[in-house]
Amino acid sequence: MKYEEYYLILFFIKTKKIEEFEKIIEEIKRITSFQFQIFDAKALISPIQVEVAFINALLSIKAKKNIAKNLVLEILLKMAADTQISNAIKKIGIKNGLEYLGLYLVGSSIREMKKDIKKILEKINGKLIDWNEIPKDSIRNILKKYKVEEVEVNSISQNELLKPEEYLILERIATSDLRKGRV
């Protein structure tokens, strides 16, 4: 995905259970010069969540309303619909024991980023998988993380583009700054 001068590449990885996530982060830092973030793939309602967070983060930075000092952390905050980095990490961040990871790279050269993806997969002994191959957290657990009530879900009619649950989480992302009094 491209927005303004930035590309975002999102991919999902199946790996053996992570025992020391700090080592994985350090290994990836040695492989790529691009900004990146790893997160719990099972905590997402949809990959669209990352794309919306990416655009929202860029708009926050452009308006000088960002919380994080770098783009990838600002994206994570937006994905979590939160303004506290520690809360965002608890909600969707990488943790020991995970097998299904989401990883995004942000940069200006899609070709170089794709080369780095191959190196990352080799280094962490991971297999590239499709979003549909990830066993999801229960929707109820995901909604609870975002403080979405069942009455809200039931009040929204199904449409062709988004499920009510997806719509409500994307709404939380889009309005997180408003709800936290940051605008």
N, C-alpha and C. Protein backbone atom coordinates (compact mmCIF):
# COMPACT_ATOMS: atom_id res chain seq x y z
N MET A 1 0.85 -1.17 0.00
CA MET A 1 0.00 0.00 0.00
C MET A 1 0.89 1.23 0.00
N LYS A 2 0.50 2.22 -0.77
CA LYS A 2 1.26 3.47 -0.81
C LYS A 2 0.36 4.61 -0.39
N TYR A 3 0.91 5.47 0.46
CA TYR A 3 0.24 6.70 0.83
C TYR A 3 1.30 7.78 0.90
N GLU A 4 1.07 8.83 0.13
CA GLU A 4 2.05 9.89 -0.03
C GLU A 4 3.37 9.26 -0.48
N GLU A 5 4.48 9.53 0.21
CA GLU A 5 5.76 8.96 -0.27
C GLU A 5 6.12 7.64 0.41
N TYR A 6 5.22 7.12 1.24
CA TYR A 6 5.51 5.90 2.01
C TYR A 6 4.80 4.68 1.46
N TYR A 7 5.53 3.57 1.48
CA TYR A 7 4.95 2.27 1.21
C TYR A 7 4.82 1.52 2.53
N LEU A 8 3.77 0.76 2.65
CA LEU A 8 3.61 -0.15 3.78
C LEU A 8 3.42 -1.54 3.20
N ILE A 9 4.25 -2.46 3.64
CA ILE A 9 4.08 -3.87 3.26
C ILE A 9 3.70 -4.61 4.53
N LEU A 10 2.57 -5.26 4.47
CA LEU A 10 2.06 -6.05 5.59
C LEU A 10 2.11 -7.51 5.20
N PHE A 11 2.65 -8.33 6.10
CA PHE A 11 2.63 -9.76 5.83
C PHE A 11 2.47 -10.51 7.14
N PHE A 12 2.06 -11.77 6.99
CA PHE A 12 1.78 -12.61 8.15
C PHE A 12 2.70 -13.82 8.12
N ILE A 13 3.13 -14.23 9.31
CA ILE A 13 4.14 -15.27 9.45
C ILE A 13 3.65 -16.33 10.44
N LYS A 14 3.89 -17.58 10.09
CA LYS A 14 3.70 -18.70 11.02
C LYS A 14 5.10 -19.13 11.41
N THR A 15 5.35 -19.22 12.70
CA THR A 15 6.66 -19.62 13.19
C THR A 15 6.47 -20.50 14.42
N LYS A 16 7.55 -21.09 14.89
CA LYS A 16 7.44 -21.83 16.14
C LYS A 16 7.18 -20.81 17.25
N LYS A 17 6.65 -21.28 18.36
CA LYS A 17 6.33 -20.36 19.46
C LYS A 17 7.54 -19.52 19.83
N ILE A 18 7.31 -18.24 19.93
CA ILE A 18 8.39 -17.30 20.27
C ILE A 18 8.72 -17.44 21.75
N GLU A 19 9.99 -17.62 22.03
CA GLU A 19 10.42 -17.70 23.43
C GLU A 19 11.11 -16.43 23.88
N GLU A 20 11.80 -15.76 22.96
CA GLU A 20 12.48 -14.52 23.30
C GLU A 20 12.26 -13.50 22.18
N PHE A 21 11.15 -12.78 22.28
CA PHE A 21 10.81 -11.87 21.18
C PHE A 21 11.82 -10.75 21.02
N GLU A 22 12.52 -10.38 22.09
CA GLU A 22 13.53 -9.32 21.97
C GLU A 22 14.63 -9.71 20.98
N LYS A 23 15.01 -11.00 20.98
CA LYS A 23 16.04 -11.48 20.04
C LYS A 23 15.56 -11.38 18.60
N ILE A 24 14.29 -11.69 18.38
CA ILE A 24 13.74 -11.61 17.02
C ILE A 24 13.79 -10.16 16.53
N ILE A 25 13.41 -9.25 17.39
CA ILE A 25 13.44 -7.82 17.02
C ILE A 25 14.87 -7.40 16.68
N GLU A 26 15.82 -7.80 17.47
CA GLU A 26 17.23 -7.45 17.21
C GLU A 26 17.72 -8.06 15.90
N GLU A 27 17.34 -9.30 15.63
CA GLU A 27 17.74 -9.94 14.37
C GLU A 27 17.16 -9.21 13.17
N ILE A 28 15.92 -8.81 13.27
CA ILE A 28 15.29 -8.08 12.15
C ILE A 28 15.96 -6.72 11.97
N LYS A 29 16.32 -6.07 13.06
CA LYS A 29 17.02 -4.78 12.97
C LYS A 29 18.33 -4.92 12.20
N ARG A 30 19.00 -6.06 12.35
CA ARG A 30 20.27 -6.28 11.64
C ARG A 30 20.04 -6.55 10.15
N ILE A 31 18.84 -7.01 9.79
CA ILE A 31 18.54 -7.37 8.41
C ILE A 31 18.08 -6.16 7.60
N THR A 32 17.23 -5.36 8.18
CA THR A 32 16.59 -4.30 7.39
C THR A 32 16.90 -2.91 7.94
N SER A 33 16.98 -1.97 7.03
CA SER A 33 17.16 -0.58 7.44
C SER A 33 15.81 0.14 7.47
N PHE A 34 14.75 -0.56 7.07
CA PHE A 34 13.42 0.02 7.05
C PHE A 34 12.80 -0.03 8.44
N GLN A 35 11.89 0.90 8.69
CA GLN A 35 11.14 0.87 9.92
C GLN A 35 10.22 -0.35 9.87
N PHE A 36 10.05 -1.03 11.00
CA PHE A 36 9.17 -2.20 11.04
C PHE A 36 8.52 -2.32 12.41
N GLN A 37 7.47 -3.12 12.45
CA GLN A 37 6.80 -3.43 13.71
C GLN A 37 6.25 -4.84 13.59
N ILE A 38 6.37 -5.59 14.68
CA ILE A 38 5.82 -6.95 14.76
C ILE A 38 4.66 -6.90 15.75
N PHE A 39 3.62 -7.65 15.46
CA PHE A 39 2.46 -7.65 16.35
C PHE A 39 1.78 -9.01 16.33
N ASP A 40 0.84 -9.19 17.24
CA ASP A 40 0.07 -10.42 17.36
C ASP A 40 -0.99 -10.45 16.26
N ALA A 41 -0.80 -11.29 15.27
CA ALA A 41 -1.71 -11.35 14.13
C ALA A 41 -3.11 -11.79 14.54
N LYS A 42 -3.21 -12.59 15.58
CA LYS A 42 -4.52 -13.07 16.02
C LYS A 42 -5.35 -11.98 16.69
N ALA A 43 -4.73 -10.86 17.03
CA ALA A 43 -5.44 -9.78 17.71
C ALA A 43 -6.13 -8.81 16.74
N LEU A 44 -5.91 -9.01 15.44
CA LEU A 44 -6.54 -8.14 14.45
C LEU A 44 -7.93 -8.63 14.09
N ILE A 45 -8.80 -7.69 13.79
CA ILE A 45 -10.13 -8.04 13.27
C ILE A 45 -10.05 -8.23 11.76
N SER A 46 -9.08 -7.53 11.12
CA SER A 46 -8.94 -7.57 9.67
C SER A 46 -7.65 -6.86 9.27
N PRO A 47 -7.03 -7.23 8.15
CA PRO A 47 -5.85 -6.50 7.68
C PRO A 47 -6.15 -5.03 7.36
N ILE A 48 -7.40 -4.72 7.08
CA ILE A 48 -7.78 -3.33 6.81
C ILE A 48 -7.44 -2.45 8.00
N GLN A 49 -7.47 -3.03 9.17
CA GLN A 49 -7.13 -2.32 10.40
C GLN A 49 -5.74 -1.69 10.31
N VAL A 50 -4.80 -2.40 9.73
CA VAL A 50 -3.43 -1.90 9.60
C VAL A 50 -3.37 -0.77 8.57
N GLU A 51 -4.07 -0.95 7.48
CA GLU A 51 -4.06 0.07 6.43
C GLU A 51 -4.68 1.39 6.92
N VAL A 52 -5.79 1.30 7.64
CA VAL A 52 -6.43 2.50 8.19
C VAL A 52 -5.51 3.15 9.22
N ALA A 53 -4.88 2.33 10.05
CA ALA A 53 -3.95 2.86 11.05
C ALA A 53 -2.76 3.57 10.39
N PHE A 54 -2.27 3.00 9.30
CA PHE A 54 -1.15 3.58 8.56
C PHE A 54 -1.51 4.99 8.06
N ILE A 55 -2.65 5.11 7.42
CA ILE A 55 -3.06 6.42 6.92
C ILE A 55 -3.31 7.39 8.08
N ASN A 56 -3.98 6.92 9.12
CA ASN A 56 -4.24 7.77 10.28
C ASN A 56 -2.94 8.24 10.94
N ALA A 57 -1.96 7.36 11.03
CA ALA A 57 -0.68 7.72 11.64
C ALA A 57 0.03 8.79 10.81
N LEU A 58 0.02 8.62 9.50
CA LEU A 58 0.65 9.63 8.64
C LEU A 58 -0.06 10.98 8.75
N LEU A 59 -1.37 10.96 8.83
CA LEU A 59 -2.11 12.21 8.99
C LEU A 59 -1.83 12.87 10.34
N SER A 60 -1.69 12.06 11.39
CA SER A 60 -1.35 12.61 12.71
C SER A 60 0.02 13.27 12.70
N ILE A 61 0.96 12.61 12.06
CA ILE A 61 2.32 13.16 11.98
C ILE A 61 2.31 14.46 11.17
N LYS A 62 1.61 14.44 10.06
CA LYS A 62 1.53 15.62 9.22
C LYS A 62 0.91 16.81 9.98
N ALA A 63 -0.08 16.53 10.83
CA ALA A 63 -0.74 17.57 11.61
C ALA A 63 0.00 17.87 12.92
N LYS A 64 1.14 17.19 13.12
CA LYS A 64 1.93 17.33 14.34
C LYS A 64 1.11 16.99 15.60
N LYS A 65 0.28 15.95 15.47
CA LYS A 65 -0.55 15.46 16.58
C LYS A 65 -0.13 14.05 16.99
N ASN A 66 1.01 13.61 16.49
CA ASN A 66 1.46 12.26 16.80
C ASN A 66 1.90 12.15 18.25
N ILE A 67 1.79 10.94 18.77
CA ILE A 67 2.20 10.63 20.13
C ILE A 67 3.58 10.00 20.12
N ALA A 68 3.75 9.00 19.25
CA ALA A 68 5.03 8.28 19.16
C ALA A 68 6.05 9.11 18.39
N LYS A 69 7.31 8.78 18.62
CA LYS A 69 8.38 9.51 17.94
C LYS A 69 8.71 8.95 16.57
N ASN A 70 8.18 7.76 16.26
CA ASN A 70 8.42 7.22 14.91
C ASN A 70 7.12 6.68 14.32
N LEU A 71 7.12 6.57 13.02
CA LEU A 71 5.92 6.21 12.28
C LEU A 71 5.40 4.83 12.63
N VAL A 72 6.27 3.84 12.74
CA VAL A 72 5.78 2.47 12.97
C VAL A 72 5.13 2.32 14.34
N LEU A 73 5.62 3.03 15.31
CA LEU A 73 4.99 2.99 16.63
C LEU A 73 3.68 3.77 16.63
N GLU A 74 3.63 4.85 15.88
CA GLU A 74 2.38 5.61 15.73
C GLU A 74 1.32 4.73 15.05
N ILE A 75 1.73 3.93 14.08
CA ILE A 75 0.80 3.00 13.42
C ILE A 75 0.27 1.99 14.44
N LEU A 76 1.17 1.46 15.28
CA LEU A 76 0.75 0.50 16.30
C LEU A 76 -0.26 1.13 17.25
N LEU A 77 -0.02 2.37 17.65
CA LEU A 77 -0.98 3.07 18.51
C LEU A 77 -2.34 3.17 17.84
N LYS A 78 -2.32 3.53 16.57
CA LYS A 78 -3.58 3.65 15.83
C LYS A 78 -4.25 2.29 15.68
N MET A 79 -3.48 1.25 15.38
CA MET A 79 -4.06 -0.10 15.25
C MET A 79 -4.77 -0.50 16.54
N ALA A 80 -4.19 -0.11 17.66
CA ALA A 80 -4.75 -0.45 18.97
C ALA A 80 -5.84 0.54 19.39
N ALA A 81 -6.03 1.61 18.63
CA ALA A 81 -7.00 2.66 18.97
C ALA A 81 -6.74 3.19 20.38
N ASP A 82 -5.48 3.46 20.64
CA ASP A 82 -5.09 3.91 21.97
C ASP A 82 -4.08 5.04 21.86
N THR A 83 -3.88 5.74 22.95
CA THR A 83 -2.89 6.81 22.98
C THR A 83 -1.74 6.49 23.93
N GLN A 84 -1.80 5.35 24.57
CA GLN A 84 -0.73 4.91 25.47
C GLN A 84 0.03 3.75 24.83
N ILE A 85 1.32 3.93 24.65
CA ILE A 85 2.13 2.90 24.01
C ILE A 85 2.07 1.59 24.80
N SER A 86 2.14 1.66 26.12
CA SER A 86 2.10 0.44 26.93
C SER A 86 0.78 -0.31 26.74
N ASN A 87 -0.33 0.41 26.64
CA ASN A 87 -1.63 -0.24 26.40
C ASN A 87 -1.68 -0.87 25.02
N ALA A 88 -1.14 -0.18 24.03
CA ALA A 88 -1.14 -0.71 22.66
C ALA A 88 -0.34 -2.00 22.59
N ILE A 89 0.79 -2.03 23.26
CA ILE A 89 1.63 -3.23 23.25
C ILE A 89 0.90 -4.39 23.95
N LYS A 90 0.25 -4.11 25.07
CA LYS A 90 -0.51 -5.16 25.76
C LYS A 90 -1.64 -5.68 24.87
N LYS A 91 -2.28 -4.79 24.15
CA LYS A 91 -3.44 -5.15 23.35
C LYS A 91 -3.06 -5.96 22.11
N ILE A 92 -2.04 -5.53 21.37
CA ILE A 92 -1.75 -6.18 20.08
C ILE A 92 -0.27 -6.43 19.83
N GLY A 93 0.58 -6.06 20.75
CA GLY A 93 2.02 -6.18 20.53
C GLY A 93 2.53 -7.61 20.57
N ILE A 94 3.79 -7.76 20.17
CA ILE A 94 4.44 -9.06 20.18
C ILE A 94 4.70 -9.48 21.63
N LYS A 95 4.55 -10.78 21.88
CA LYS A 95 4.76 -11.35 23.21
C LYS A 95 5.39 -12.73 23.03
N ASN A 96 6.02 -13.20 24.07
CA ASN A 96 6.49 -14.58 24.04
C ASN A 96 5.29 -15.51 23.97
N GLY A 97 5.46 -16.64 23.28
CA GLY A 97 4.40 -17.62 23.16
C GLY A 97 3.59 -17.51 21.88
N LEU A 98 3.81 -16.46 21.09
CA LEU A 98 3.04 -16.30 19.85
C LEU A 98 3.61 -17.19 18.75
N GLU A 99 2.73 -17.66 17.88
CA GLU A 99 3.12 -18.43 16.70
C GLU A 99 2.74 -17.72 15.40
N TYR A 100 1.75 -16.85 15.49
CA TYR A 100 1.25 -16.13 14.32
C TYR A 100 1.56 -14.65 14.48
N LEU A 101 2.42 -14.16 13.61
CA LEU A 101 2.87 -12.79 13.71
C LEU A 101 2.41 -11.98 12.52
N GLY A 102 2.14 -10.73 12.77
CA GLY A 102 1.97 -9.77 11.70
C GLY A 102 3.22 -8.91 11.71
N LEU A 103 3.67 -8.50 10.56
CA LEU A 103 4.85 -7.65 10.49
C LEU A 103 4.62 -6.66 9.36
N TYR A 104 4.90 -5.40 9.63
CA TYR A 104 4.85 -4.44 8.55
C TYR A 104 6.16 -3.68 8.47
N LEU A 105 6.52 -3.40 7.24
CA LEU A 105 7.68 -2.57 6.93
C LEU A 105 7.17 -1.28 6.32
N VAL A 106 7.82 -0.18 6.64
CA VAL A 106 7.46 1.11 6.06
C VAL A 106 8.72 1.71 5.47
N GLY A 107 8.61 2.16 4.23
CA GLY A 107 9.77 2.76 3.58
C GLY A 107 9.41 3.34 2.23
N SER A 108 10.45 3.67 1.48
CA SER A 108 10.24 4.33 0.19
C SER A 108 10.58 3.44 -1.01
N SER A 109 11.12 2.25 -0.77
CA SER A 109 11.50 1.36 -1.87
C SER A 109 10.84 0.00 -1.71
N ILE A 110 9.79 -0.21 -2.44
CA ILE A 110 9.05 -1.47 -2.35
C ILE A 110 9.93 -2.66 -2.75
N ARG A 111 10.77 -2.47 -3.75
CA ARG A 111 11.65 -3.54 -4.21
C ARG A 111 12.61 -3.99 -3.11
N GLU A 112 13.25 -3.05 -2.45
CA GLU A 112 14.19 -3.38 -1.37
C GLU A 112 13.46 -3.98 -0.17
N MET A 113 12.27 -3.49 0.11
CA MET A 113 11.50 -4.03 1.23
C MET A 113 11.15 -5.49 0.98
N LYS A 114 10.78 -5.82 -0.25
CA LYS A 114 10.45 -7.21 -0.59
C LYS A 114 11.66 -8.12 -0.43
N LYS A 115 12.84 -7.63 -0.78
CA LYS A 115 14.07 -8.41 -0.58
C LYS A 115 14.28 -8.69 0.90
N ASP A 116 14.04 -7.67 1.72
CA ASP A 116 14.23 -7.84 3.17
C ASP A 116 13.25 -8.84 3.77
N ILE A 117 12.05 -8.91 3.23
CA ILE A 117 11.05 -9.86 3.74
C ILE A 117 11.59 -11.28 3.63
N LYS A 118 12.19 -11.61 2.50
CA LYS A 118 12.75 -12.96 2.32
C LYS A 118 13.82 -13.24 3.36
N LYS A 119 14.70 -12.27 3.59
CA LYS A 119 15.76 -12.44 4.58
C LYS A 119 15.19 -12.59 6.00
N ILE A 120 14.17 -11.83 6.30
CA ILE A 120 13.54 -11.91 7.63
C ILE A 120 12.95 -13.29 7.85
N LEU A 121 12.22 -13.79 6.85
CA LEU A 121 11.60 -15.11 6.98
C LEU A 121 12.64 -16.20 7.22
N GLU A 122 13.75 -16.12 6.49
CA GLU A 122 14.82 -17.09 6.68
C GLU A 122 15.40 -17.00 8.08
N LYS A 123 15.65 -15.80 8.53
CA LYS A 123 16.32 -15.60 9.82
C LYS A 123 15.47 -16.07 10.99
N ILE A 124 14.17 -15.83 10.93
CA ILE A 124 13.33 -16.22 12.07
C ILE A 124 12.66 -17.58 11.85
N ASN A 125 13.07 -18.26 10.77
CA ASN A 125 12.52 -19.58 10.47
C ASN A 125 10.99 -19.53 10.38
N GLY A 126 10.51 -18.56 9.63
CA GLY A 126 9.07 -18.36 9.50
C GLY A 126 8.57 -18.68 8.11
N LYS A 127 7.29 -18.95 8.03
CA LYS A 127 6.64 -19.24 6.76
C LYS A 127 5.62 -18.14 6.50
N LEU A 128 5.68 -17.57 5.31
CA LEU A 128 4.72 -16.56 4.89
C LEU A 128 3.36 -17.22 4.73
N ILE A 129 2.34 -16.65 5.36
CA ILE A 129 1.00 -17.23 5.27
C ILE A 129 0.00 -16.15 4.88
N ASP A 130 -1.16 -16.59 4.45
CA ASP A 130 -2.26 -15.70 4.11
C ASP A 130 -3.04 -15.37 5.39
N TRP A 131 -3.67 -14.22 5.39
CA TRP A 131 -4.49 -13.79 6.53
C TRP A 131 -5.51 -14.87 6.92
N ASN A 132 -6.10 -15.53 5.95
CA ASN A 132 -7.13 -16.53 6.23
C ASN A 132 -6.60 -17.80 6.90
N GLU A 133 -5.29 -17.97 6.94
CA GLU A 133 -4.69 -19.14 7.59
C GLU A 133 -4.46 -18.93 9.08
N ILE A 134 -4.73 -17.75 9.57
CA ILE A 134 -4.46 -17.43 10.97
C ILE A 134 -5.69 -17.78 11.80
N PRO A 135 -5.52 -18.64 12.82
CA PRO A 135 -6.66 -18.87 13.71
C PRO A 135 -6.89 -17.58 14.51
N LYS A 136 -8.09 -17.09 14.49
CA LYS A 136 -8.38 -15.81 15.11
C LYS A 136 -8.73 -15.96 16.59
N ASP A 137 -8.38 -14.93 17.36
CA ASP A 137 -8.93 -14.80 18.69
C ASP A 137 -10.44 -14.76 18.50
N SER A 138 -11.18 -15.10 19.51
CA SER A 138 -12.62 -14.99 19.34
C SER A 138 -12.97 -13.52 19.09
N ILE A 139 -13.96 -13.31 18.28
CA ILE A 139 -14.37 -11.94 17.98
C ILE A 139 -14.75 -11.23 19.27
N ARG A 140 -15.37 -11.96 20.18
CA ARG A 140 -15.76 -11.36 21.47
C ARG A 140 -14.52 -10.82 22.20
N ASN A 141 -13.42 -11.58 22.20
CA ASN A 141 -12.19 -11.12 22.87
C ASN A 141 -11.60 -9.90 22.18
N ILE A 142 -11.63 -9.90 20.85
CA ILE A 142 -11.10 -8.74 20.11
C ILE A 142 -11.95 -7.51 20.41
N LEU A 143 -13.25 -7.66 20.37
CA LEU A 143 -14.14 -6.53 20.64
C LEU A 143 -13.96 -6.00 22.06
N LYS A 144 -13.74 -6.91 22.99
CA LYS A 144 -13.52 -6.51 24.39
C LYS A 144 -12.27 -5.64 24.51
N LYS A 145 -11.22 -5.99 23.78
CA LYS A 145 -9.99 -5.19 23.81
C LYS A 145 -10.23 -3.76 23.37
N TYR A 146 -11.19 -3.58 22.47
CA TYR A 146 -11.49 -2.26 21.91
C TYR A 146 -12.71 -1.61 22.57
N LYS A 147 -13.21 -2.26 23.63
CA LYS A 147 -14.36 -1.75 24.37
C LYS A 147 -15.58 -1.53 23.46
N VAL A 148 -15.80 -2.50 22.59
CA VAL A 148 -16.97 -2.48 21.72
C VAL A 148 -18.02 -3.38 22.37
N GLU A 149 -19.19 -2.81 22.59
CA GLU A 149 -20.30 -3.53 23.23
C GLU A 149 -21.14 -4.26 22.18
N GLU A 150 -21.73 -5.35 22.61
CA GLU A 150 -22.57 -6.14 21.70
C GLU A 150 -23.74 -5.33 21.16
N VAL A 151 -24.28 -4.44 21.97
CA VAL A 151 -25.39 -3.60 21.52
C VAL A 151 -24.97 -2.73 20.34
N GLU A 152 -23.71 -2.29 20.32
CA GLU A 152 -23.21 -1.51 19.18
C GLU A 152 -23.17 -2.37 17.92
N VAL A 153 -22.64 -3.57 18.08
CA VAL A 153 -22.54 -4.49 16.93
C VAL A 153 -23.92 -4.76 16.36
N ASN A 154 -24.88 -5.00 17.23
CA ASN A 154 -26.24 -5.32 16.79
C ASN A 154 -26.95 -4.12 16.17
N SER A 155 -26.47 -2.92 16.44
CA SER A 155 -27.14 -1.73 15.91
C SER A 155 -26.69 -1.38 14.50
N ILE A 156 -25.67 -2.05 14.00
CA ILE A 156 -25.13 -1.76 12.67
C ILE A 156 -25.52 -2.87 11.72
N SER A 157 -26.07 -2.48 10.58
CA SER A 157 -26.47 -3.50 9.61
C SER A 157 -25.26 -3.96 8.80
N GLN A 158 -25.31 -5.20 8.41
CA GLN A 158 -24.26 -5.80 7.59
C GLN A 158 -24.24 -5.11 6.23
N ASN A 159 -23.04 -4.84 5.70
CA ASN A 159 -22.97 -4.32 4.35
C ASN A 159 -21.95 -5.12 3.55
N GLU A 160 -21.79 -4.78 2.29
CA GLU A 160 -20.93 -5.55 1.40
C GLU A 160 -19.45 -5.38 1.70
N LEU A 161 -19.08 -4.26 2.27
CA LEU A 161 -17.66 -3.96 2.46
C LEU A 161 -17.11 -4.41 3.81
N LEU A 162 -17.85 -4.15 4.87
CA LEU A 162 -17.34 -4.43 6.21
C LEU A 162 -18.39 -5.12 7.07
N LYS A 163 -17.91 -6.00 7.93
CA LYS A 163 -18.76 -6.57 8.96
C LYS A 163 -18.94 -5.51 10.04
N PRO A 164 -20.02 -5.56 10.80
CA PRO A 164 -20.21 -4.56 11.86
C PRO A 164 -19.02 -4.49 12.83
N GLU A 165 -18.43 -5.62 13.15
CA GLU A 165 -17.29 -5.64 14.07
C GLU A 165 -16.10 -4.89 13.48
N GLU A 166 -15.84 -5.11 12.20
CA GLU A 166 -14.75 -4.39 11.53
C GLU A 166 -15.03 -2.89 11.51
N TYR A 167 -16.24 -2.54 11.15
CA TYR A 167 -16.63 -1.13 11.10
C TYR A 167 -16.38 -0.44 12.44
N LEU A 168 -16.81 -1.08 13.53
CA LEU A 168 -16.69 -0.47 14.86
C LEU A 168 -15.24 -0.33 15.30
N ILE A 169 -14.40 -1.30 14.97
CA ILE A 169 -12.98 -1.17 15.34
C ILE A 169 -12.31 -0.09 14.49
N LEU A 170 -12.64 -0.03 13.21
CA LEU A 170 -12.10 1.04 12.37
C LEU A 170 -12.58 2.41 12.86
N GLU A 171 -13.80 2.46 13.34
CA GLU A 171 -14.32 3.71 13.92
C GLU A 171 -13.52 4.09 15.16
N ARG A 172 -13.16 3.09 15.96
CA ARG A 172 -12.36 3.35 17.17
C ARG A 172 -10.98 3.91 16.79
N ILE A 173 -10.41 3.36 15.72
CA ILE A 173 -9.11 3.85 15.24
C ILE A 173 -9.24 5.30 14.78
N ALA A 174 -10.25 5.55 13.97
CA ALA A 174 -10.42 6.89 13.40
C ALA A 174 -10.71 7.95 14.45
N THR A 175 -11.34 7.55 15.54
CA THR A 175 -11.72 8.54 16.56
C THR A 175 -10.92 8.44 17.85
N SER A 176 -9.85 7.66 17.85
CA SER A 176 -9.10 7.48 19.10
C SER A 176 -8.56 8.79 19.66
N ASP A 177 -8.09 9.67 18.82
CA ASP A 177 -7.59 10.96 19.31
C ASP A 177 -8.72 11.79 19.90
N LEU A 178 -9.89 11.76 19.26
CA LEU A 178 -11.04 12.51 19.76
C LEU A 178 -11.48 12.00 21.12
N ARG A 179 -11.56 10.67 21.23
CA ARG A 179 -12.01 10.07 22.49
C ARG A 179 -11.04 10.31 23.62
N LYS A 180 -9.78 10.50 23.31
CA LYS A 180 -8.76 10.74 24.35
C LYS A 180 -8.50 12.24 24.54
N GLY A 181 -9.29 13.07 23.88
CA GLY A 181 -9.16 14.52 24.06
C GLY A 181 -7.91 15.12 23.49
N ARG A 182 -7.41 14.54 22.39
CA ARG A 182 -6.14 15.01 21.81
C ARG A 182 -6.33 15.94 20.63
N VAL A 183 -7.55 16.26 20.26
CA VAL A 183 -7.74 17.12 19.08
C VAL A 183 -8.13 18.51 19.52
